C-alpha cells in the first residue's frame, strides 16, 4: 500500500507531491480533486490537500465511510 509519509509538522501537500509520492498521473489526482473524491482546500489558485485526506483516499476509507 502506498501512503504519503510526511514530517509530523507538515499537514498539507500539493497535487505535485501526491503525484510524486503515489506514482499516479497528474490528471488522476486533479480528477479526484475536482470530483470531490479527494478532499482539499483552495488558497487562491493553489490546492492544499491534508496529508490525512490523501492517506484515506489511497486506502479508500472515504467510500467505505459514506456507505456505512
PDB file of N, CA and C in Angstrom:
ATOM      1  N   UNK A   1       0.837  -1.169   0.000  1.00  0.00           N
ATOM      2  CA  UNK A   1       0.000   0.000   0.000  1.00  0.00           C
ATOM      3  C   UNK A   1       0.886   1.238   0.000  1.00  0.00           C
ATOM      4  N   UNK A   2       0.500   2.237  -0.760  1.00  0.00           N
ATOM      5  CA  UNK A   2       1.241   3.489  -0.835  1.00  0.00           C
ATOM      6  C   UNK A   2       0.610   4.468   0.143  1.00  0.00           C
ATOM      7  N   UNK A   3       1.434   5.135   0.931  1.00  0.00           N
ATOM      8  CA  UNK A   3       0.939   6.179   1.810  1.00  0.00           C
ATOM      9  C   UNK A   3       1.826   7.395   1.666  1.00  0.00           C
ATOM     10  N   UNK A   4       1.272   8.522   2.010  1.00  0.00           N
ATOM     11  CA  UNK A   4       2.045   9.755   1.975  1.00  0.00           C
ATOM     12  C   UNK A   4       2.688   9.907   3.334  1.00  0.00           C
ATOM     13  N   UNK A   5       3.984   9.763   3.369  1.00  0.00           N
ATOM     14  CA  UNK A   5       4.688   9.914   4.642  1.00  0.00           C
ATOM     15  C   UNK A   5       5.385  11.264   4.629  1.00  0.00           C
ATOM     16  N   UNK A   6       4.915  12.137   5.462  1.00  0.00           N
ATOM     17  CA  UNK A   6       5.447  13.485   5.556  1.00  0.00           C
ATOM     18  C   UNK A   6       5.915  13.724   6.989  1.00  0.00           C
ATOM     19  N   UNK A   7       6.773  14.703   7.179  1.00  0.00           N
ATOM     20  CA  UNK A   7       7.148  15.055   8.542  1.00  0.00           C
ATOM     21  C   UNK A   7       5.903  15.419   9.349  1.00  0.00           C
ATOM     22  N   UNK A   8       5.955  15.230  10.643  1.00  0.00           N
ATOM     23  CA  UNK A   8       4.807  15.460  11.502  1.00  0.00           C
ATOM     24  C   UNK A   8       4.282  16.885  11.380  1.00  0.00           C
ATOM     25  N   UNK A   9       5.154  17.862  11.199  1.00  0.00           N
ATOM     26  CA  UNK A   9       4.721  19.247  11.159  1.00  0.00           C
ATOM     27  C   UNK A   9       4.111  19.652   9.811  1.00  0.00           C
ATOM     28  N   UNK A  10       4.174  18.816   8.812  1.00  0.00           N
ATOM     29  CA  UNK A  10       3.595  19.143   7.513  1.00  0.00           C
ATOM     30  C   UNK A  10       2.197  18.546   7.439  1.00  0.00           C
ATOM     31  N   UNK A  11       1.192  19.418   7.421  1.00  0.00           N
ATOM     32  CA  UNK A  11      -0.189  18.968   7.451  1.00  0.00           C
ATOM     33  C   UNK A  11      -0.822  18.925   6.067  1.00  0.00           C
ATOM     34  N   UNK A  12      -0.256  19.679   5.122  1.00  0.00           N
ATOM     35  CA  UNK A  12      -0.831  19.774   3.790  1.00  0.00           C
ATOM     36  C   UNK A  12       0.217  19.484   2.731  1.00  0.00           C
ATOM     37  N   UNK A  13      -0.244  18.921   1.617  1.00  0.00           N
ATOM     38  CA  UNK A  13       0.622  18.703   0.466  1.00  0.00           C
ATOM     39  C   UNK A  13      -0.058  19.314  -0.746  1.00  0.00           C
ATOM     40  N   UNK A  14       0.682  19.455  -1.802  1.00  0.00           N
ATOM     41  CA  UNK A  14       0.152  19.979  -3.064  1.00  0.00           C
ATOM     42  C   UNK A  14      -0.049  18.813  -4.025  1.00  0.00           C
ATOM     43  N   UNK A  15      -0.824  19.013  -5.078  1.00  0.00           N
ATOM     44  CA  UNK A  15      -1.058  17.931  -6.041  1.00  0.00           C
ATOM     45  C   UNK A  15       0.237  17.307  -6.582  1.00  0.00           C
ATOM     46  N   UNK A  16       1.250  18.119  -6.845  1.00  0.00           N
ATOM     47  CA  UNK A  16       2.516  17.582  -7.354  1.00  0.00           C
ATOM     48  C   UNK A  16       3.153  16.615  -6.353  1.00  0.00           C
ATOM     49  N   UNK A  17       2.981  16.889  -5.055  1.00  0.00           N
ATOM     50  CA  UNK A  17       3.508  15.988  -4.030  1.00  0.00           C
ATOM     51  C   UNK A  17       2.783  14.644  -4.075  1.00  0.00           C
ATOM     52  N   UNK A  18       1.459  14.698  -4.265  1.00  0.00           N
ATOM     53  CA  UNK A  18       0.669  13.461  -4.338  1.00  0.00           C
ATOM     54  C   UNK A  18       1.079  12.652  -5.557  1.00  0.00           C
ATOM     55  N   UNK A  19       1.263  13.316  -6.694  1.00  0.00           N
ATOM     56  CA  UNK A  19       1.694  12.642  -7.929  1.00  0.00           C
ATOM     57  C   UNK A  19       3.044  11.970  -7.707  1.00  0.00           C
ATOM     58  N   UNK A  20       3.973  12.694  -7.151  1.00  0.00           N
ATOM     59  CA  UNK A  20       5.335  12.180  -6.946  1.00  0.00           C
ATOM     60  C   UNK A  20       5.350  11.000  -5.968  1.00  0.00           C
ATOM     61  N   UNK A  21       4.591  11.086  -4.903  1.00  0.00           N
ATOM     62  CA  UNK A  21       4.665  10.057  -3.872  1.00  0.00           C
ATOM     63  C   UNK A  21       3.807   8.829  -4.159  1.00  0.00           C
ATOM     64  N   UNK A  22       2.767   8.986  -4.975  1.00  0.00           N
ATOM     65  CA  UNK A  22       1.896   7.842  -5.255  1.00  0.00           C
ATOM     66  C   UNK A  22       2.175   7.189  -6.595  1.00  0.00           C
ATOM     67  N   UNK A  23       2.787   7.939  -7.519  1.00  0.00           N
ATOM     68  CA  UNK A  23       3.012   7.400  -8.856  1.00  0.00           C
ATOM     69  C   UNK A  23       1.794   7.519  -9.760  1.00  0.00           C
ATOM     70  N   UNK A  24       0.735   8.160  -9.267  1.00  0.00           N
ATOM     71  CA  UNK A  24      -0.452   8.372 -10.092  1.00  0.00           C
ATOM     72  C   UNK A  24      -0.191   9.515 -11.061  1.00  0.00           C
ATOM     73  N   UNK A  25      -1.010   9.585 -12.101  1.00  0.00           N
ATOM     74  CA  UNK A  25      -0.845  10.668 -13.068  1.00  0.00           C
ATOM     75  C   UNK A  25      -1.397  11.972 -12.501  1.00  0.00           C
ATOM     76  N   UNK A  26      -0.912  13.063 -13.044  1.00  0.00           N
ATOM     77  CA  UNK A  26      -1.383  14.380 -12.640  1.00  0.00           C
ATOM     78  C   UNK A  26      -2.883  14.508 -12.920  1.00  0.00           C
ATOM     79  N   UNK A  27      -3.325  13.988 -14.057  1.00  0.00           N
ATOM     80  CA  UNK A  27      -4.751  14.091 -14.396  1.00  0.00           C
ATOM     81  C   UNK A  27      -5.614  13.272 -13.438  1.00  0.00           C
ATOM     82  N   UNK A  28      -5.123  12.143 -12.959  1.00  0.00           N
ATOM     83  CA  UNK A  28      -5.882  11.323 -11.998  1.00  0.00           C
ATOM     84  C   UNK A  28      -6.050  12.064 -10.677  1.00  0.00           C
ATOM     85  N   UNK A  29      -5.002  12.723 -10.235  1.00  0.00           N
ATOM     86  CA  UNK A  29      -5.070  13.472  -8.980  1.00  0.00           C
ATOM     87  C   UNK A  29      -6.025  14.653  -9.120  1.00  0.00           C
ATOM     88  N   UNK A  30      -5.923  15.396 -10.234  1.00  0.00           N
ATOM     89  CA  UNK A  30      -6.809  16.537 -10.420  1.00  0.00           C
ATOM     90  C   UNK A  30      -8.256  16.099 -10.632  1.00  0.00           C
ATOM     91  N   UNK A  31      -8.478  14.976 -11.261  1.00  0.00           N
ATOM     92  CA  UNK A  31      -9.842  14.454 -11.400  1.00  0.00           C
ATOM     93  C   UNK A  31     -10.432  14.178 -10.014  1.00  0.00           C
ATOM     94  N   UNK A  32      -9.637  13.583  -9.145  1.00  0.00           N
ATOM     95  CA  UNK A  32     -10.099  13.295  -7.786  1.00  0.00           C
ATOM     96  C   UNK A  32     -10.377  14.589  -7.016  1.00  0.00           C
ATOM     97  N   UNK A  33      -9.577  15.618  -7.246  1.00  0.00           N
ATOM     98  CA  UNK A  33      -9.806  16.905  -6.589  1.00  0.00           C
ATOM     99  C   UNK A  33     -11.104  17.546  -7.069  1.00  0.00           C
ATOM    100  N   UNK A  34     -11.259  17.642  -8.394  1.00  0.00           N
ATOM    101  CA  UNK A  34     -12.434  18.305  -8.959  1.00  0.00           C
ATOM    102  C   UNK A  34     -13.722  17.542  -8.670  1.00  0.00           C
ATOM    103  N   UNK A  35     -13.657  16.226  -8.573  1.00  0.00           N
ATOM    104  CA  UNK A  35     -14.859  15.438  -8.316  1.00  0.00           C
ATOM    105  C   UNK A  35     -15.227  15.417  -6.830  1.00  0.00           C
ATOM    106  N   UNK A  36     -14.298  15.861  -5.968  1.00  0.00           N
ATOM    107  CA  UNK A  36     -14.541  15.838  -4.539  1.00  0.00           C
ATOM    108  C   UNK A  36     -14.153  14.519  -3.890  1.00  0.00           C
ATOM    109  N   UNK A  37     -13.657  13.599  -4.694  1.00  0.00           N
ATOM    110  CA  UNK A  37     -13.224  12.298  -4.176  1.00  0.00           C
ATOM    111  C   UNK A  37     -12.033  12.460  -3.226  1.00  0.00           C
ATOM    112  N   UNK A  38     -11.160  13.401  -3.547  1.00  0.00           N
ATOM    113  CA  UNK A  38     -10.014  13.726  -2.702  1.00  0.00           C
ATOM    114  C   UNK A  38     -10.299  15.077  -2.068  1.00  0.00           C
ATOM    115  N   UNK A  39     -10.467  15.097  -0.771  1.00  0.00           N
ATOM    116  CA  UNK A  39     -10.821  16.323  -0.055  1.00  0.00           C
ATOM    117  C   UNK A  39      -9.631  17.261  -0.002  1.00  0.00           C
ATOM    118  N   UNK A  40      -9.868  18.536  -0.353  1.00  0.00           N
ATOM    119  CA  UNK A  40      -8.797  19.524  -0.376  1.00  0.00           C
ATOM    120  C   UNK A  40      -9.386  20.925  -0.219  1.00  0.00           C
ATOM    121  N   UNK A  41      -8.511  21.889  -0.055  1.00  0.00           N
ATOM    122  CA  UNK A  41      -8.885  23.290   0.090  1.00  0.00           C
ATOM    123  C   UNK A  41      -8.170  24.096  -0.971  1.00  0.00           C
ATOM    124  N   UNK A  42      -8.801  25.187  -1.391  1.00  0.00           N
ATOM    125  CA  UNK A  42      -8.143  26.097  -2.326  1.00  0.00           C
ATOM    126  C   UNK A  42      -7.688  27.330  -1.564  1.00  0.00           C
ATOM    127  N   UNK A  43      -6.469  27.744  -1.802  1.00  0.00           N
ATOM    128  CA  UNK A  43      -5.950  29.005  -1.279  1.00  0.00           C
ATOM    129  C   UNK A  43      -5.472  29.784  -2.488  1.00  0.00           C
ATOM    130  N   UNK A  44      -6.318  30.670  -2.968  1.00  0.00           N
ATOM    131  CA  UNK A  44      -6.041  31.330  -4.235  1.00  0.00           C
ATOM    132  C   UNK A  44      -6.144  30.295  -5.338  1.00  0.00           C
ATOM    133  N   UNK A  45      -5.098  30.154  -6.121  1.00  0.00           N
ATOM    134  CA  UNK A  45      -5.076  29.143  -7.182  1.00  0.00           C
ATOM    135  C   UNK A  45      -4.482  27.820  -6.721  1.00  0.00           C
ATOM    136  N   UNK A  46      -3.908  27.827  -5.529  1.00  0.00           N
ATOM    137  CA  UNK A  46      -3.214  26.626  -5.036  1.00  0.00           C
ATOM    138  C   UNK A  46      -4.179  25.667  -4.342  1.00  0.00           C
ATOM    139  N   UNK A  47      -3.953  24.383  -4.549  1.00  0.00           N
ATOM    140  CA  UNK A  47      -4.674  23.332  -3.829  1.00  0.00           C
ATOM    141  C   UNK A  47      -3.855  22.948  -2.620  1.00  0.00           C
ATOM    142  N   UNK A  48      -4.500  22.862  -1.462  1.00  0.00           N
ATOM    143  CA  UNK A  48      -3.866  22.367  -0.246  1.00  0.00           C
ATOM    144  C   UNK A  48      -4.623  21.114   0.164  1.00  0.00           C
ATOM    145  N   UNK A  49      -3.925  20.003   0.191  1.00  0.00           N
ATOM    146  CA  UNK A  49      -4.546  18.715   0.463  1.00  0.00           C
ATOM    147  C   UNK A  49      -4.029  18.196   1.798  1.00  0.00           C
ATOM    148  N   UNK A  50      -4.923  17.989   2.767  1.00  0.00           N
ATOM    149  CA  UNK A  50      -4.464  17.432   4.043  1.00  0.00           C
ATOM    150  C   UNK A  50      -3.823  16.051   3.830  1.00  0.00           C
ATOM    151  N   UNK A  51      -2.695  15.827   4.465  1.00  0.00           N
ATOM    152  CA  UNK A  51      -1.993  14.548   4.340  1.00  0.00           C
ATOM    153  C   UNK A  51      -2.924  13.402   4.725  1.00  0.00           C
ATOM    154  N   UNK A  52      -3.726  13.588   5.764  1.00  0.00           N
ATOM    155  CA  UNK A  52      -4.656  12.544   6.194  1.00  0.00           C
ATOM    156  C   UNK A  52      -5.683  12.233   5.102  1.00  0.00           C
ATOM    157  N   UNK A  53      -6.116  13.253   4.354  1.00  0.00           N
ATOM    158  CA  UNK A  53      -7.081  13.033   3.275  1.00  0.00           C
ATOM    159  C   UNK A  53      -6.468  12.181   2.165  1.00  0.00           C
ATOM    160  N   UNK A  54      -5.192  12.402   1.878  1.00  0.00           N
ATOM    161  CA  UNK A  54      -4.517  11.606   0.853  1.00  0.00           C
ATOM    162  C   UNK A  54      -4.438  10.146   1.300  1.00  0.00           C
ATOM    163  N   UNK A  55      -4.067   9.931   2.551  1.00  0.00           N
ATOM    164  CA  UNK A  55      -3.985   8.562   3.065  1.00  0.00           C
ATOM    165  C   UNK A  55      -5.343   7.866   3.007  1.00  0.00           C
ATOM    166  N   UNK A  56      -6.411   8.575   3.416  1.00  0.00           N
ATOM    167  CA  UNK A  56      -7.758   7.984   3.363  1.00  0.00           C
ATOM    168  C   UNK A  56      -8.168   7.700   1.923  1.00  0.00           C
ATOM    169  N   UNK A  57      -7.858   8.604   1.007  1.00  0.00           N
ATOM    170  CA  UNK A  57      -8.221   8.440  -0.400  1.00  0.00           C
ATOM    171  C   UNK A  57      -7.524   7.213  -0.998  1.00  0.00           C
ATOM    172  N   UNK A  58      -6.249   7.057  -0.702  1.00  0.00           N
ATOM    173  CA  UNK A  58      -5.491   5.917  -1.216  1.00  0.00           C
ATOM    174  C   UNK A  58      -6.040   4.600  -0.662  1.00  0.00           C
ATOM    175  N   UNK A  59      -6.372   4.592   0.635  1.00  0.00           N
ATOM    176  CA  UNK A  59      -6.921   3.389   1.257  1.00  0.00           C
ATOM    177  C   UNK A  59      -8.371   3.140   0.874  1.00  0.00           C
ATOM    178  N   UNK A  60      -9.052   4.168   0.399  1.00  0.00           N
ATOM    179  CA  UNK A  60     -10.463   4.029   0.049  1.00  0.00           C
ATOM    180  C   UNK A  60     -11.383   4.157   1.245  1.00  0.00           C
ATOM    181  N   UNK A  61     -10.896   4.723   2.346  1.00  0.00           N
ATOM    182  CA  UNK A  61     -11.698   4.843   3.562  1.00  0.00           C
ATOM    183  C   UNK A  61     -12.917   5.740   3.382  1.00  0.00           C
ATOM    184  N   UNK A  62     -12.838   6.798   2.567  1.00  0.00           N
ATOM    185  CA  UNK A  62     -13.959   7.713   2.396  1.00  0.00           C
ATOM    186  C   UNK A  62     -15.161   6.998   1.789  1.00  0.00           C
ATOM    187  N   UNK A  63     -14.911   6.140   0.809  1.00  0.00           N
ATOM    188  CA  UNK A  63     -16.006   5.425   0.164  1.00  0.00           C
ATOM    189  C   UNK A  63     -16.691   4.491   1.155  1.00  0.00           C
ATOM    190  N   UNK A  64     -15.922   3.847   1.999  1.00  0.00           N
ATOM    191  CA  UNK A  64     -16.481   2.933   2.994  1.00  0.00           C
ATOM    192  C   UNK A  64     -17.296   3.720   4.023  1.00  0.00           C
ATOM    193  N   UNK A  65     -16.784   4.883   4.438  1.00  0.00           N
ATOM    194  CA  UNK A  65     -17.471   5.676   5.461  1.00  0.00           C
ATOM    195  C   UNK A  65     -18.800   6.222   4.925  1.00  0.00           C
ATOM    196  N   UNK A  66     -18.859   6.591   3.651  1.00  0.00           N
ATOM    197  CA  UNK A  66     -20.082   7.155   3.089  1.00  0.00           C
ATOM    198  C   UNK A  66     -21.167   6.099   2.942  1.00  0.00           C
ATOM    199  N   UNK A  67     -20.805   4.862   2.715  1.00  0.00           N
ATOM    200  CA  UNK A  67     -21.783   3.789   2.564  1.00  0.00           C
ATOM    201  C   UNK A  67     -22.359   3.381   3.913  1.00  0.00           C
ATOM    202  N   UNK A  68     -21.514   3.384   4.942  1.00  0.00           N
ATOM    203  CA  UNK A  68     -21.929   2.927   6.275  1.00  0.00           C
ATOM    204  C   UNK A  68     -22.891   3.883   6.943  1.00  0.00           C
TER     205      UNK A  68
END
